[in-house]
C-alpha cells in the first residue's frame, strides 16, 4: 500500500472507500484519507506479523512448498504451521534440513543435494 503523495494513491484510496462502503461506515461524505490511513496501518501491522511468523519458522503461505526433483526432499507444514522437510519413504520424519528462502526468481538451493529448486511465489 502506498501513502499520500506517492504515485499509487488513487487506486489505494478507492480500495479504502470501497471497504468503507461495504462496512457501512460511509454515507456519501466522509474523510477518505482517514480511512486510507487506517488501511495503511492495518497493512503495516500485517507485514510486521508476517515477519514475526517467519522468524519463528512458520510458513506464511507466500510461496508454494518446495520439492527437489534430484534427491526427493520435500517441504511440508505441520498443523502448527511450521515448515519441515521429509523424503517419500518417511513422510512423518523431519530431516531437519531447511530450504533457504527462494530468491526473486523463485529459485532456492536444496539443502540435501545442492541442486536448484524452482518454486512459485503466490
PDB file of N, CA and C in Angstrom:
ATOM      1  N   UNK A   1       0.827  -1.172   0.000  1.00  0.00           N
ATOM      2  CA  UNK A   1       0.000   0.000   0.000  1.00  0.00           C
ATOM      3  C   UNK A   1       0.876   1.242   0.000  1.00  0.00           C
ATOM      4  N   UNK A   2       0.384   2.242  -0.632  1.00  0.00           N
ATOM      5  CA  UNK A   2       1.140   3.487  -0.751  1.00  0.00           C
ATOM      6  C   UNK A   2       0.513   4.552   0.145  1.00  0.00           C
ATOM      7  N   UNK A   3       1.339   5.447   0.636  1.00  0.00           N
ATOM      8  CA  UNK A   3       0.841   6.565   1.440  1.00  0.00           C
ATOM      9  C   UNK A   3       0.619   7.784   0.561  1.00  0.00           C
ATOM     10  N   UNK A   4       0.010   8.810   1.126  1.00  0.00           N
ATOM     11  CA  UNK A   4      -0.265  10.055   0.411  1.00  0.00           C
ATOM     12  C   UNK A   4       0.986  10.606  -0.242  1.00  0.00           C
ATOM     13  N   UNK A   5       0.803  11.185  -1.424  1.00  0.00           N
ATOM     14  CA  UNK A   5       1.904  11.840  -2.110  1.00  0.00           C
ATOM     15  C   UNK A   5       2.706  10.924  -3.001  1.00  0.00           C
ATOM     16  N   UNK A   6       2.388   9.637  -3.003  1.00  0.00           N
ATOM     17  CA  UNK A   6       3.115   8.722  -3.867  1.00  0.00           C
ATOM     18  C   UNK A   6       2.227   8.316  -5.028  1.00  0.00           C
ATOM     19  N   UNK A   7       2.798   7.680  -6.007  1.00  0.00           N
ATOM     20  CA  UNK A   7       2.155   7.503  -7.302  1.00  0.00           C
ATOM     21  C   UNK A   7       0.884   6.666  -7.299  1.00  0.00           C
ATOM     22  N   UNK A   8       0.706   5.737  -6.404  1.00  0.00           N
ATOM     23  CA  UNK A   8      -0.441   4.829  -6.469  1.00  0.00           C
ATOM     24  C   UNK A   8      -1.557   5.214  -5.516  1.00  0.00           C
ATOM     25  N   UNK A   9      -1.627   6.438  -5.089  1.00  0.00           N
ATOM     26  CA  UNK A   9      -2.607   6.835  -4.086  1.00  0.00           C
ATOM     27  C   UNK A   9      -4.041   6.674  -4.572  1.00  0.00           C
ATOM     28  N   UNK A  10      -4.335   6.971  -5.806  1.00  0.00           N
ATOM     29  CA  UNK A  10      -5.713   6.926  -6.274  1.00  0.00           C
ATOM     30  C   UNK A  10      -6.294   5.504  -6.205  1.00  0.00           C
ATOM     31  N   UNK A  11      -5.629   4.447  -6.746  1.00  0.00           N
ATOM     32  CA  UNK A  11      -6.208   3.109  -6.617  1.00  0.00           C
ATOM     33  C   UNK A  11      -6.337   2.659  -5.163  1.00  0.00           C
ATOM     34  N   UNK A  12      -5.359   2.995  -4.316  1.00  0.00           N
ATOM     35  CA  UNK A  12      -5.430   2.591  -2.921  1.00  0.00           C
ATOM     36  C   UNK A  12      -6.569   3.320  -2.226  1.00  0.00           C
ATOM     37  N   UNK A  13      -6.778   4.620  -2.523  1.00  0.00           N
ATOM     38  CA  UNK A  13      -7.876   5.359  -1.928  1.00  0.00           C
ATOM     39  C   UNK A  13      -9.200   4.706  -2.294  1.00  0.00           C
ATOM     40  N   UNK A  14      -9.327   4.256  -3.537  1.00  0.00           N
ATOM     41  CA  UNK A  14     -10.579   3.607  -3.966  1.00  0.00           C
ATOM     42  C   UNK A  14     -10.832   2.349  -3.162  1.00  0.00           C
ATOM     43  N   UNK A  15      -9.777   1.575  -2.898  1.00  0.00           N
ATOM     44  CA  UNK A  15      -9.934   0.366  -2.090  1.00  0.00           C
ATOM     45  C   UNK A  15     -10.433   0.749  -0.700  1.00  0.00           C
ATOM     46  N   UNK A  16      -9.836   1.798  -0.102  1.00  0.00           N
ATOM     47  CA  UNK A  16     -10.285   2.257   1.207  1.00  0.00           C
ATOM     48  C   UNK A  16     -11.729   2.705   1.187  1.00  0.00           C
ATOM     49  N   UNK A  17     -12.133   3.405   0.138  1.00  0.00           N
ATOM     50  CA  UNK A  17     -13.508   3.862   0.009  1.00  0.00           C
ATOM     51  C   UNK A  17     -14.461   2.679  -0.107  1.00  0.00           C
ATOM     52  N   UNK A  18     -14.077   1.694  -0.914  1.00  0.00           N
ATOM     53  CA  UNK A  18     -14.918   0.501  -1.086  1.00  0.00           C
ATOM     54  C   UNK A  18     -15.069  -0.237   0.233  1.00  0.00           C
ATOM     55  N   UNK A  19     -13.977  -0.377   0.975  1.00  0.00           N
ATOM     56  CA  UNK A  19     -14.050  -1.044   2.279  1.00  0.00           C
ATOM     57  C   UNK A  19     -14.997  -0.300   3.203  1.00  0.00           C
ATOM     58  N   UNK A  20     -14.947   1.052   3.176  1.00  0.00           N
ATOM     59  CA  UNK A  20     -15.854   1.856   3.996  1.00  0.00           C
ATOM     60  C   UNK A  20     -17.308   1.656   3.613  1.00  0.00           C
ATOM     61  N   UNK A  21     -17.569   1.580   2.332  1.00  0.00           N
ATOM     62  CA  UNK A  21     -18.944   1.381   1.867  1.00  0.00           C
ATOM     63  C   UNK A  21     -19.443   0.003   2.266  1.00  0.00           C
ATOM     64  N   UNK A  22     -18.619  -1.011   2.050  1.00  0.00           N
ATOM     65  CA  UNK A  22     -19.016  -2.373   2.398  1.00  0.00           C
ATOM     66  C   UNK A  22     -19.251  -2.495   3.897  1.00  0.00           C
ATOM     67  N   UNK A  23     -18.395  -1.823   4.674  1.00  0.00           N
ATOM     68  CA  UNK A  23     -18.534  -1.881   6.126  1.00  0.00           C
ATOM     69  C   UNK A  23     -19.665  -1.028   6.672  1.00  0.00           C
ATOM     70  N   UNK A  24     -20.336  -0.260   5.827  1.00  0.00           N
ATOM     71  CA  UNK A  24     -21.459   0.550   6.259  1.00  0.00           C
ATOM     72  C   UNK A  24     -21.051   1.819   6.987  1.00  0.00           C
ATOM     73  N   UNK A  25     -19.782   2.206   6.899  1.00  0.00           N
ATOM     74  CA  UNK A  25     -19.327   3.389   7.611  1.00  0.00           C
ATOM     75  C   UNK A  25     -19.355   4.626   6.735  1.00  0.00           C
ATOM     76  N   UNK A  26     -19.787   4.486   5.520  1.00  0.00           N
ATOM     77  CA  UNK A  26     -19.711   5.625   4.617  1.00  0.00           C
ATOM     78  C   UNK A  26     -21.093   5.928   4.047  1.00  0.00           C
ATOM     79  N   UNK A  27     -21.501   7.149   4.161  1.00  0.00           N
ATOM     80  CA  UNK A  27     -22.814   7.526   3.642  1.00  0.00           C
ATOM     81  C   UNK A  27     -22.688   8.794   2.810  1.00  0.00           C
ATOM     82  N   UNK A  28     -21.987   8.701   1.708  1.00  0.00           N
ATOM     83  CA  UNK A  28     -21.848   9.846   0.819  1.00  0.00           C
ATOM     84  C   UNK A  28     -20.611  10.657   1.088  1.00  0.00           C
ATOM     85  N   UNK A  29     -20.580  11.394   2.196  1.00  0.00           N
ATOM     86  CA  UNK A  29     -19.436  12.240   2.510  1.00  0.00           C
ATOM     87  C   UNK A  29     -18.665  11.632   3.677  1.00  0.00           C
ATOM     88  N   UNK A  30     -17.387  11.925   3.718  1.00  0.00           N
ATOM     89  CA  UNK A  30     -16.575  11.428   4.812  1.00  0.00           C
ATOM     90  C   UNK A  30     -15.116  11.703   4.537  1.00  0.00           C
ATOM     91  N   UNK A  31     -14.287  11.314   5.422  1.00  0.00           N
ATOM     92  CA  UNK A  31     -12.857  11.549   5.286  1.00  0.00           C
ATOM     93  C   UNK A  31     -12.195  10.294   4.723  1.00  0.00           C
ATOM     94  N   UNK A  32     -12.083  10.225   3.416  1.00  0.00           N
ATOM     95  CA  UNK A  32     -11.466   9.076   2.759  1.00  0.00           C
ATOM     96  C   UNK A  32     -10.016   8.891   3.151  1.00  0.00           C
ATOM     97  N   UNK A  33      -9.299   9.978   3.416  1.00  0.00           N
ATOM     98  CA  UNK A  33      -7.890   9.859   3.786  1.00  0.00           C
ATOM     99  C   UNK A  33      -7.734   9.227   5.163  1.00  0.00           C
ATOM    100  N   UNK A  34      -8.665   9.477   6.067  1.00  0.00           N
ATOM    101  CA  UNK A  34      -8.602   8.840   7.386  1.00  0.00           C
ATOM    102  C   UNK A  34      -8.782   7.336   7.227  1.00  0.00           C
ATOM    103  N   UNK A  35      -9.693   6.944   6.342  1.00  0.00           N
ATOM    104  CA  UNK A  35      -9.885   5.519   6.076  1.00  0.00           C
ATOM    105  C   UNK A  35      -8.641   4.921   5.443  1.00  0.00           C
ATOM    106  N   UNK A  36      -8.006   5.665   4.545  1.00  0.00           N
ATOM    107  CA  UNK A  36      -6.774   5.205   3.908  1.00  0.00           C
ATOM    108  C   UNK A  36      -5.677   5.009   4.945  1.00  0.00           C
ATOM    109  N   UNK A  37      -5.566   5.938   5.886  1.00  0.00           N
ATOM    110  CA  UNK A  37      -4.564   5.808   6.940  1.00  0.00           C
ATOM    111  C   UNK A  37      -4.815   4.550   7.766  1.00  0.00           C
ATOM    112  N   UNK A  38      -6.082   4.265   8.052  1.00  0.00           N
ATOM    113  CA  UNK A  38      -6.427   3.056   8.797  1.00  0.00           C
ATOM    114  C   UNK A  38      -6.056   1.800   8.029  1.00  0.00           C
ATOM    115  N   UNK A  39      -6.292   1.811   6.729  1.00  0.00           N
ATOM    116  CA  UNK A  39      -5.942   0.675   5.886  1.00  0.00           C
ATOM    117  C   UNK A  39      -4.431   0.498   5.814  1.00  0.00           C
ATOM    118  N   UNK A  40      -3.718   1.617   5.722  1.00  0.00           N
ATOM    119  CA  UNK A  40      -2.254   1.567   5.696  1.00  0.00           C
ATOM    120  C   UNK A  40      -1.715   0.992   7.004  1.00  0.00           C
ATOM    121  N   UNK A  41      -2.276   1.418   8.132  1.00  0.00           N
ATOM    122  CA  UNK A  41      -1.842   0.900   9.434  1.00  0.00           C
ATOM    123  C   UNK A  41      -2.097  -0.596   9.537  1.00  0.00           C
ATOM    124  N   UNK A  42      -3.225  -1.052   9.030  1.00  0.00           N
ATOM    125  CA  UNK A  42      -3.535  -2.475   9.038  1.00  0.00           C
ATOM    126  C   UNK A  42      -2.531  -3.261   8.191  1.00  0.00           C
ATOM    127  N   UNK A  43      -2.214  -2.760   7.000  1.00  0.00           N
ATOM    128  CA  UNK A  43      -1.246  -3.430   6.131  1.00  0.00           C
ATOM    129  C   UNK A  43       0.135  -3.470   6.775  1.00  0.00           C
ATOM    130  N   UNK A  44       0.517  -2.394   7.447  1.00  0.00           N
ATOM    131  CA  UNK A  44       1.807  -2.349   8.141  1.00  0.00           C
ATOM    132  C   UNK A  44       1.837  -3.378   9.261  1.00  0.00           C
ATOM    133  N   UNK A  45       0.764  -3.484  10.003  1.00  0.00           N
ATOM    134  CA  UNK A  45       0.671  -4.466  11.104  1.00  0.00           C
ATOM    135  C   UNK A  45       0.752  -5.891  10.561  1.00  0.00           C
ATOM    136  N   UNK A  46       0.070  -6.148   9.452  1.00  0.00           N
ATOM    137  CA  UNK A  46       0.120  -7.488   8.854  1.00  0.00           C
ATOM    138  C   UNK A  46       1.537  -7.848   8.413  1.00  0.00           C
ATOM    139  N   UNK A  47       2.248  -6.889   7.828  1.00  0.00           N
ATOM    140  CA  UNK A  47       3.637  -7.140   7.420  1.00  0.00           C
ATOM    141  C   UNK A  47       4.507  -7.446   8.636  1.00  0.00           C
ATOM    142  N   UNK A  48       4.297  -6.747   9.722  1.00  0.00           N
ATOM    143  CA  UNK A  48       5.052  -6.977  10.948  1.00  0.00           C
ATOM    144  C   UNK A  48       4.779  -8.380  11.497  1.00  0.00           C
ATOM    145  N   UNK A  49       3.512  -8.774  11.520  1.00  0.00           N
ATOM    146  CA  UNK A  49       3.152 -10.115  11.999  1.00  0.00           C
ATOM    147  C   UNK A  49       3.748 -11.199  11.106  1.00  0.00           C
ATOM    148  N   UNK A  50       3.783 -10.944   9.806  1.00  0.00           N
ATOM    149  CA  UNK A  50       4.352 -11.906   8.869  1.00  0.00           C
ATOM    150  C   UNK A  50       5.849 -12.096   9.138  1.00  0.00           C
ATOM    151  N   UNK A  51       6.573 -11.002   9.407  1.00  0.00           N
ATOM    152  CA  UNK A  51       7.997 -11.088   9.732  1.00  0.00           C
ATOM    153  C   UNK A  51       8.217 -11.871  11.016  1.00  0.00           C
ATOM    154  N   UNK A  52       7.368 -11.639  12.022  1.00  0.00           N
ATOM    155  CA  UNK A  52       7.487 -12.372  13.284  1.00  0.00           C
ATOM    156  C   UNK A  52       7.238 -13.861  13.071  1.00  0.00           C
ATOM    157  N   UNK A  53       6.229 -14.191  12.261  1.00  0.00           N
ATOM    158  CA  UNK A  53       5.919 -15.594  11.983  1.00  0.00           C
ATOM    159  C   UNK A  53       7.088 -16.280  11.282  1.00  0.00           C
ATOM    160  N   UNK A  54       7.694 -15.615  10.299  1.00  0.00           N
ATOM    161  CA  UNK A  54       8.854 -16.185   9.602  1.00  0.00           C
ATOM    162  C   UNK A  54      10.014 -16.404  10.562  1.00  0.00           C
ATOM    163  N   UNK A  55      10.229 -15.457  11.475  1.00  0.00           N
ATOM    164  CA  UNK A  55      11.315 -15.587  12.447  1.00  0.00           C
ATOM    165  C   UNK A  55      11.109 -16.799  13.353  1.00  0.00           C
ATOM    166  N   UNK A  56       9.867 -17.182  13.580  1.00  0.00           N
ATOM    167  CA  UNK A  56       9.556 -18.347  14.399  1.00  0.00           C
ATOM    168  C   UNK A  56       9.555 -19.648  13.595  1.00  0.00           C
ATOM    169  N   UNK A  57       9.881 -19.558  12.297  1.00  0.00           N
ATOM    170  CA  UNK A  57       9.910 -20.744  11.449  1.00  0.00           C
ATOM    171  C   UNK A  57       8.560 -21.150  10.906  1.00  0.00           C
ATOM    172  N   UNK A  58       7.608 -20.254  10.966  1.00  0.00           N
ATOM    173  CA  UNK A  58       6.267 -20.563  10.469  1.00  0.00           C
ATOM    174  C   UNK A  58       6.181 -20.292   8.971  1.00  0.00           C
ATOM    175  N   UNK A  59       5.318 -21.017   8.314  1.00  0.00           N
ATOM    176  CA  UNK A  59       5.085 -20.847   6.885  1.00  0.00           C
ATOM    177  C   UNK A  59       4.002 -19.799   6.699  1.00  0.00           C
ATOM    178  N   UNK A  60       4.290 -18.777   5.895  1.00  0.00           N
ATOM    179  CA  UNK A  60       3.358 -17.660   5.735  1.00  0.00           C
ATOM    180  C   UNK A  60       2.552 -17.712   4.440  1.00  0.00           C
ATOM    181  N   UNK A  61       2.583 -18.805   3.749  1.00  0.00           N
ATOM    182  CA  UNK A  61       1.765 -19.014   2.541  1.00  0.00           C
ATOM    183  C   UNK A  61       2.012 -17.995   1.441  1.00  0.00           C
ATOM    184  N   UNK A  62       3.224 -17.459   1.338  1.00  0.00           N
ATOM    185  CA  UNK A  62       3.517 -16.506   0.269  1.00  0.00           C
ATOM    186  C   UNK A  62       4.205 -17.163  -0.921  1.00  0.00           C
ATOM    187  N   UNK A  63       4.402 -18.460  -0.836  1.00  0.00           N
ATOM    188  CA  UNK A  63       5.005 -19.227  -1.925  1.00  0.00           C
ATOM    189  C   UNK A  63       4.523 -20.663  -1.806  1.00  0.00           C
ATOM    190  N   UNK A  64       4.753 -21.425  -2.864  1.00  0.00           N
ATOM    191  CA  UNK A  64       4.395 -22.835  -2.790  1.00  0.00           C
ATOM    192  C   UNK A  64       5.469 -23.588  -2.011  1.00  0.00           C
ATOM    193  N   UNK A  65       5.127 -24.759  -1.532  1.00  0.00           N
ATOM    194  CA  UNK A  65       6.100 -25.608  -0.847  1.00  0.00           C
ATOM    195  C   UNK A  65       7.094 -26.147  -1.867  1.00  0.00           C
ATOM    196  N   UNK A  66       8.360 -26.257  -1.461  1.00  0.00           N
ATOM    197  CA  UNK A  66       9.412 -26.658  -2.386  1.00  0.00           C
ATOM    198  C   UNK A  66       9.617 -28.170  -2.388  1.00  0.00           C
ATOM    199  N   UNK A  67      10.088 -28.663  -3.540  1.00  0.00           N
ATOM    200  CA  UNK A  67      10.368 -30.082  -3.717  1.00  0.00           C
ATOM    201  C   UNK A  67      11.541 -30.219  -4.672  1.00  0.00           C
ATOM    202  N   UNK A  68      12.553 -30.992  -4.266  1.00  0.00           N
ATOM    203  CA  UNK A  68      13.733 -31.199  -5.104  1.00  0.00           C
ATOM    204  C   UNK A  68      13.524 -32.428  -5.987  1.00  0.00           C
ATOM    205  N   UNK A  69      13.629 -32.237  -7.282  1.00  0.00           N
ATOM    206  CA  UNK A  69      13.457 -33.360  -8.211  1.00  0.00           C
ATOM    207  C   UNK A  69      14.703 -34.247  -8.262  1.00  0.00           C
ATOM    208  N   UNK A  70      15.849 -33.733  -7.798  1.00  0.00           N
ATOM    209  CA  UNK A  70      17.088 -34.535  -7.807  1.00  0.00           C
ATOM    210  C   UNK A  70      17.109 -35.587  -6.705  1.00  0.00           C
ATOM    211  N   UNK A  71      16.865 -35.169  -5.459  1.00  0.00           N
ATOM    212  CA  UNK A  71      17.004 -36.093  -4.334  1.00  0.00           C
ATOM    213  C   UNK A  71      15.683 -36.448  -3.663  1.00  0.00           C
ATOM    214  N   UNK A  72      14.596 -35.777  -4.038  1.00  0.00           N
ATOM    215  CA  UNK A  72      13.279 -36.094  -3.492  1.00  0.00           C
ATOM    216  C   UNK A  72      12.947 -35.423  -2.171  1.00  0.00           C
ATOM    217  N   UNK A  73      13.787 -34.510  -1.702  1.00  0.00           N
ATOM    218  CA  UNK A  73      13.485 -33.789  -0.467  1.00  0.00           C
ATOM    219  C   UNK A  73      12.295 -32.859  -0.706  1.00  0.00           C
ATOM    220  N   UNK A  74      11.333 -32.859   0.218  1.00  0.00           N
ATOM    221  CA  UNK A  74      10.112 -32.066   0.066  1.00  0.00           C
ATOM    222  C   UNK A  74       9.819 -31.295   1.335  1.00  0.00           C
ATOM    223  N   UNK A  75       9.203 -30.124   1.154  1.00  0.00           N
ATOM    224  CA  UNK A  75       8.724 -29.345   2.292  1.00  0.00           C
ATOM    225  C   UNK A  75       7.269 -29.696   2.571  1.00  0.00           C
ATOM    226  N   UNK A  76       6.914 -29.600   3.833  1.00  0.00           N
ATOM    227  CA  UNK A  76       5.518 -29.712   4.235  1.00  0.00           C
ATOM    228  C   UNK A  76       5.323 -28.810   5.448  1.00  0.00           C
ATOM    229  N   UNK A  77       4.087 -28.724   5.900  1.00  0.00           N
ATOM    230  CA  UNK A  77       3.746 -27.840   7.012  1.00  0.00           C
ATOM    231  C   UNK A  77       2.975 -28.648   8.050  1.00  0.00           C
ATOM    232  N   UNK A  78       3.336 -28.467   9.321  1.00  0.00           N
ATOM    233  CA  UNK A  78       2.616 -29.129  10.403  1.00  0.00           C
ATOM    234  C   UNK A  78       1.303 -28.402  10.671  1.00  0.00           C
ATOM    235  N   UNK A  79       0.472 -28.986  11.516  1.00  0.00           N
ATOM    236  CA  UNK A  79      -0.783 -28.320  11.869  1.00  0.00           C
ATOM    237  C   UNK A  79      -0.524 -27.045  12.668  1.00  0.00           C
ATOM    238  N   UNK A  80       0.695 -26.884  13.192  1.00  0.00           N
ATOM    239  CA  UNK A  80       1.076 -25.655  13.901  1.00  0.00           C
ATOM    240  C   UNK A  80       1.654 -24.610  12.945  1.00  0.00           C
ATOM    241  N   UNK A  81       1.640 -24.914  11.645  1.00  0.00           N
ATOM    242  CA  UNK A  81       2.089 -24.030  10.575  1.00  0.00           C
ATOM    243  C   UNK A  81       3.605 -23.835  10.537  1.00  0.00           C
ATOM    244  N   UNK A  82       4.360 -24.823  11.024  1.00  0.00           N
ATOM    245  CA  UNK A  82       5.816 -24.762  10.929  1.00  0.00           C
ATOM    246  C   UNK A  82       6.280 -25.661   9.789  1.00  0.00           C
ATOM    247  N   UNK A  83       7.321 -25.200   9.102  1.00  0.00           N
ATOM    248  CA  UNK A  83       7.867 -25.960   7.984  1.00  0.00           C
ATOM    249  C   UNK A  83       8.704 -27.136   8.480  1.00  0.00           C
ATOM    250  N   UNK A  84       8.664 -28.227   7.738  1.00  0.00           N
ATOM    251  CA  UNK A  84       9.587 -29.331   7.943  1.00  0.00           C
ATOM    252  C   UNK A  84       9.862 -29.975   6.597  1.00  0.00           C
ATOM    253  N   UNK A  85      10.937 -30.765   6.522  1.00  0.00           N
ATOM    254  CA  UNK A  85      11.281 -31.452   5.271  1.00  0.00           C
ATOM    255  C   UNK A  85      11.270 -32.957   5.500  1.00  0.00           C
ATOM    256  N   UNK A  86      10.937 -33.680   4.451  1.00  0.00           N
ATOM    257  CA  UNK A  86      10.856 -35.141   4.534  1.00  0.00           C
ATOM    258  C   UNK A  86      11.207 -35.742   3.182  1.00  0.00           C
ATOM    259  N   UNK A  87      11.388 -37.040   3.205  1.00  0.00           N
ATOM    260  CA  UNK A  87      11.554 -37.808   1.967  1.00  0.00           C
ATOM    261  C   UNK A  87      10.367 -38.770   1.868  1.00  0.00           C
ATOM    262  N   UNK A  88      10.053 -39.225   0.664  1.00  0.00           N
ATOM    263  CA  UNK A  88       8.862 -40.047   0.437  1.00  0.00           C
ATOM    264  C   UNK A  88       8.789 -41.277   1.338  1.00  0.00           C
ATOM    265  N   UNK A  89       9.925 -41.861   1.659  1.00  0.00           N
ATOM    266  CA  UNK A  89       9.909 -43.086   2.460  1.00  0.00           C
ATOM    267  C   UNK A  89       9.632 -42.828   3.948  1.00  0.00           C
ATOM    268  N   UNK A  90       9.648 -41.567   4.364  1.00  0.00           N
ATOM    269  CA  UNK A  90       9.406 -41.242   5.776  1.00  0.00           C
ATOM    270  C   UNK A  90       8.684 -39.898   5.883  1.00  0.00           C
ATOM    271  N   UNK A  91       7.402 -39.900   5.517  1.00  0.00           N
ATOM    272  CA  UNK A  91       6.627 -38.672   5.498  1.00  0.00           C
ATOM    273  C   UNK A  91       6.547 -37.999   6.873  1.00  0.00           C
ATOM    274  N   UNK A  92       6.474 -38.787   7.934  1.00  0.00           N
ATOM    275  CA  UNK A  92       6.308 -38.224   9.271  1.00  0.00           C
ATOM    276  C   UNK A  92       7.631 -37.960   9.989  1.00  0.00           C
ATOM    277  N   UNK A  93       8.754 -38.067   9.284  1.00  0.00           N
ATOM    278  CA  UNK A  93      10.070 -37.823   9.884  1.00  0.00           C
ATOM    279  C   UNK A  93      10.664 -36.529   9.327  1.00  0.00           C
ATOM    280  N   UNK A  94      10.934 -35.571  10.207  1.00  0.00           N
ATOM    281  CA  UNK A  94      11.550 -34.306   9.812  1.00  0.00           C
ATOM    282  C   UNK A  94      13.054 -34.528   9.670  1.00  0.00           C
ATOM    283  N   UNK A  95      13.578 -34.270   8.475  1.00  0.00           N
ATOM    284  CA  UNK A  95      15.015 -34.456   8.249  1.00  0.00           C
ATOM    285  C   UNK A  95      15.850 -33.398   8.953  1.00  0.00           C
ATOM    286  N   UNK A  96      15.239 -32.287   9.322  1.00  0.00           N
ATOM    287  CA  UNK A  96      15.973 -31.189   9.948  1.00  0.00           C
ATOM    288  C   UNK A  96      16.600 -30.236   8.941  1.00  0.00           C
ATOM    289  N   UNK A  97      16.576 -30.609   7.668  1.00  0.00           N
ATOM    290  CA  UNK A  97      17.115 -29.743   6.613  1.00  0.00           C
ATOM    291  C   UNK A  97      16.079 -28.683   6.266  1.00  0.00           C
ATOM    292  N   UNK A  98      16.541 -27.489   5.920  1.00  0.00           N
ATOM    293  CA  UNK A  98      15.620 -26.409   5.540  1.00  0.00           C
ATOM    294  C   UNK A  98      16.084 -25.759   4.242  1.00  0.00           C
ATOM    295  N   UNK A  99      15.145 -25.600   3.330  1.00  0.00           N
ATOM    296  CA  UNK A  99      15.434 -24.868   2.097  1.00  0.00           C
ATOM    297  C   UNK A  99      15.621 -23.404   2.455  1.00  0.00           C
ATOM    298  N   UNK A 100      16.658 -22.749   1.902  1.00  0.00           N
ATOM    299  CA  UNK A 100      16.745 -21.296   2.099  1.00  0.00           C
ATOM    300  C   UNK A 100      15.594 -20.610   1.358  1.00  0.00           C
ATOM    301  N   UNK A 101      15.231 -19.411   1.803  1.00  0.00           N
ATOM    302  CA  UNK A 101      14.174 -18.674   1.120  1.00  0.00           C
ATOM    303  C   UNK A 101      14.547 -18.492  -0.343  1.00  0.00           C
ATOM    304  N   UNK A 102      13.606 -18.704  -1.251  1.00  0.00           N
ATOM    305  CA  UNK A 102      13.886 -18.512  -2.682  1.00  0.00           C
ATOM    306  C   UNK A 102      14.213 -17.056  -2.998  1.00  0.00           C
ATOM    307  N   UNK A 103      14.996 -16.866  -4.054  1.00  0.00           N
ATOM    308  CA  UNK A 103      15.310 -15.507  -4.496  1.00  0.00           C
ATOM    309  C   UNK A 103      14.115 -14.924  -5.254  1.00  0.00           C
ATOM    310  N   UNK A 104      14.292 -13.739  -5.856  1.00  0.00           N
ATOM    311  CA  UNK A 104      13.182 -13.074  -6.549  1.00  0.00           C
ATOM    312  C   UNK A 104      12.635 -13.887  -7.714  1.00  0.00           C
ATOM    313  N   UNK A 105      13.480 -14.758  -8.279  1.00  0.00           N
ATOM    314  CA  UNK A 105      13.041 -15.596  -9.398  1.00  0.00           C
ATOM    315  C   UNK A 105      12.412 -16.902  -8.931  1.00  0.00           C
ATOM    316  N   UNK A 106      12.320 -17.101  -7.612  1.00  0.00           N
ATOM    317  CA  UNK A 106      11.718 -18.310  -7.069  1.00  0.00           C
ATOM    318  C   UNK A 106      12.670 -19.485  -7.001  1.00  0.00           C
ATOM    319  N   UNK A 107      13.971 -19.246  -7.124  1.00  0.00           N
ATOM    320  CA  UNK A 107      14.957 -20.335  -7.123  1.00  0.00           C
ATOM    321  C   UNK A 107      15.588 -20.449  -5.739  1.00  0.00           C
ATOM    322  N   UNK A 108      15.649 -21.679  -5.242  1.00  0.00           N
ATOM    323  CA  UNK A 108      16.289 -21.972  -3.966  1.00  0.00           C
ATOM    324  C   UNK A 108      17.288 -23.095  -4.184  1.00  0.00           C
ATOM    325  N   UNK A 109      18.117 -23.328  -3.195  1.00  0.00           N
ATOM    326  CA  UNK A 109      19.123 -24.387  -3.258  1.00  0.00           C
ATOM    327  C   UNK A 109      18.689 -25.511  -2.330  1.00  0.00           C
ATOM    328  N   UNK A 110      18.693 -26.743  -2.821  1.00  0.00           N
ATOM    329  CA  UNK A 110      18.292 -27.883  -1.999  1.00  0.00           C
ATOM    330  C   UNK A 110      19.348 -28.124  -0.916  1.00  0.00           C
ATOM    331  N   UNK A 111      18.935 -28.213   0.346  1.00  0.00           N
ATOM    332  CA  UNK A 111      19.886 -28.465   1.417  1.00  0.00           C
ATOM    333  C   UNK A 111      20.362 -29.920   1.447  1.00  0.00           C
ATOM    334  N   UNK A 112      19.687 -30.793   0.703  1.00  0.00           N
ATOM    335  CA  UNK A 112      20.058 -32.205   0.677  1.00  0.00           C
ATOM    336  C   UNK A 112      21.123 -32.532  -0.346  1.00  0.00           C
ATOM    337  N   UNK A 113      21.001 -31.958  -1.551  1.00  0.00           N
ATOM    338  CA  UNK A 113      21.936 -32.308  -2.630  1.00  0.00           C
ATOM    339  C   UNK A 113      22.601 -31.096  -3.269  1.00  0.00           C
ATOM    340  N   UNK A 114      22.137 -29.894  -2.951  1.00  0.00           N
ATOM    341  CA  UNK A 114      22.716 -28.677  -3.527  1.00  0.00           C
ATOM    342  C   UNK A 114      22.129 -28.286  -4.867  1.00  0.00           C
ATOM    343  N   UNK A 115      21.154 -29.044  -5.357  1.00  0.00           N
ATOM    344  CA  UNK A 115      20.526 -28.736  -6.639  1.00  0.00           C
ATOM    345  C   UNK A 115      19.628 -27.518  -6.558  1.00  0.00           C
ATOM    346  N   UNK A 116      19.360 -26.928  -7.717  1.00  0.00           N
ATOM    347  CA  UNK A 116      18.463 -25.769  -7.777  1.00  0.00           C
ATOM    348  C   UNK A 116      17.021 -26.245  -7.780  1.00  0.00           C
ATOM    349  N   UNK A 117      16.195 -25.549  -7.007  1.00  0.00           N
ATOM    350  CA  UNK A 117      14.785 -25.865  -6.896  1.00  0.00           C
ATOM    351  C   UNK A 117      14.009 -24.606  -7.236  1.00  0.00           C
ATOM    352  N   UNK A 118      13.085 -24.723  -8.174  1.00  0.00           N
ATOM    353  CA  UNK A 118      12.279 -23.582  -8.609  1.00  0.00           C
ATOM    354  C   UNK A 118      10.917 -23.676  -7.948  1.00  0.00           C
ATOM    355  N   UNK A 119      10.503 -22.583  -7.318  1.00  0.00           N
ATOM    356  CA  UNK A 119       9.201 -22.513  -6.686  1.00  0.00           C
ATOM    357  C   UNK A 119       8.428 -21.338  -7.224  1.00  0.00           C
ATOM    358  N   UNK A 120       7.174 -21.308  -6.922  1.00  0.00           N
ATOM    359  CA  UNK A 120       6.303 -20.217  -7.375  1.00  0.00           C
ATOM    360  C   UNK A 120       5.946 -19.340  -6.191  1.00  0.00           C
ATOM    361  N   UNK A 121       6.084 -18.016  -6.375  1.00  0.00           N
ATOM    362  CA  UNK A 121       5.630 -17.053  -5.385  1.00  0.00           C
ATOM    363  C   UNK A 121       4.154 -16.817  -5.603  1.00  0.00           C
ATOM    364  N   UNK A 122       3.395 -16.793  -4.548  1.00  0.00           N
ATOM    365  CA  UNK A 122       1.949 -16.588  -4.657  1.00  0.00           C
ATOM    366  C   UNK A 122       1.593 -15.157  -4.379  1.00  0.00           C
TER     367      UNK A 122
END
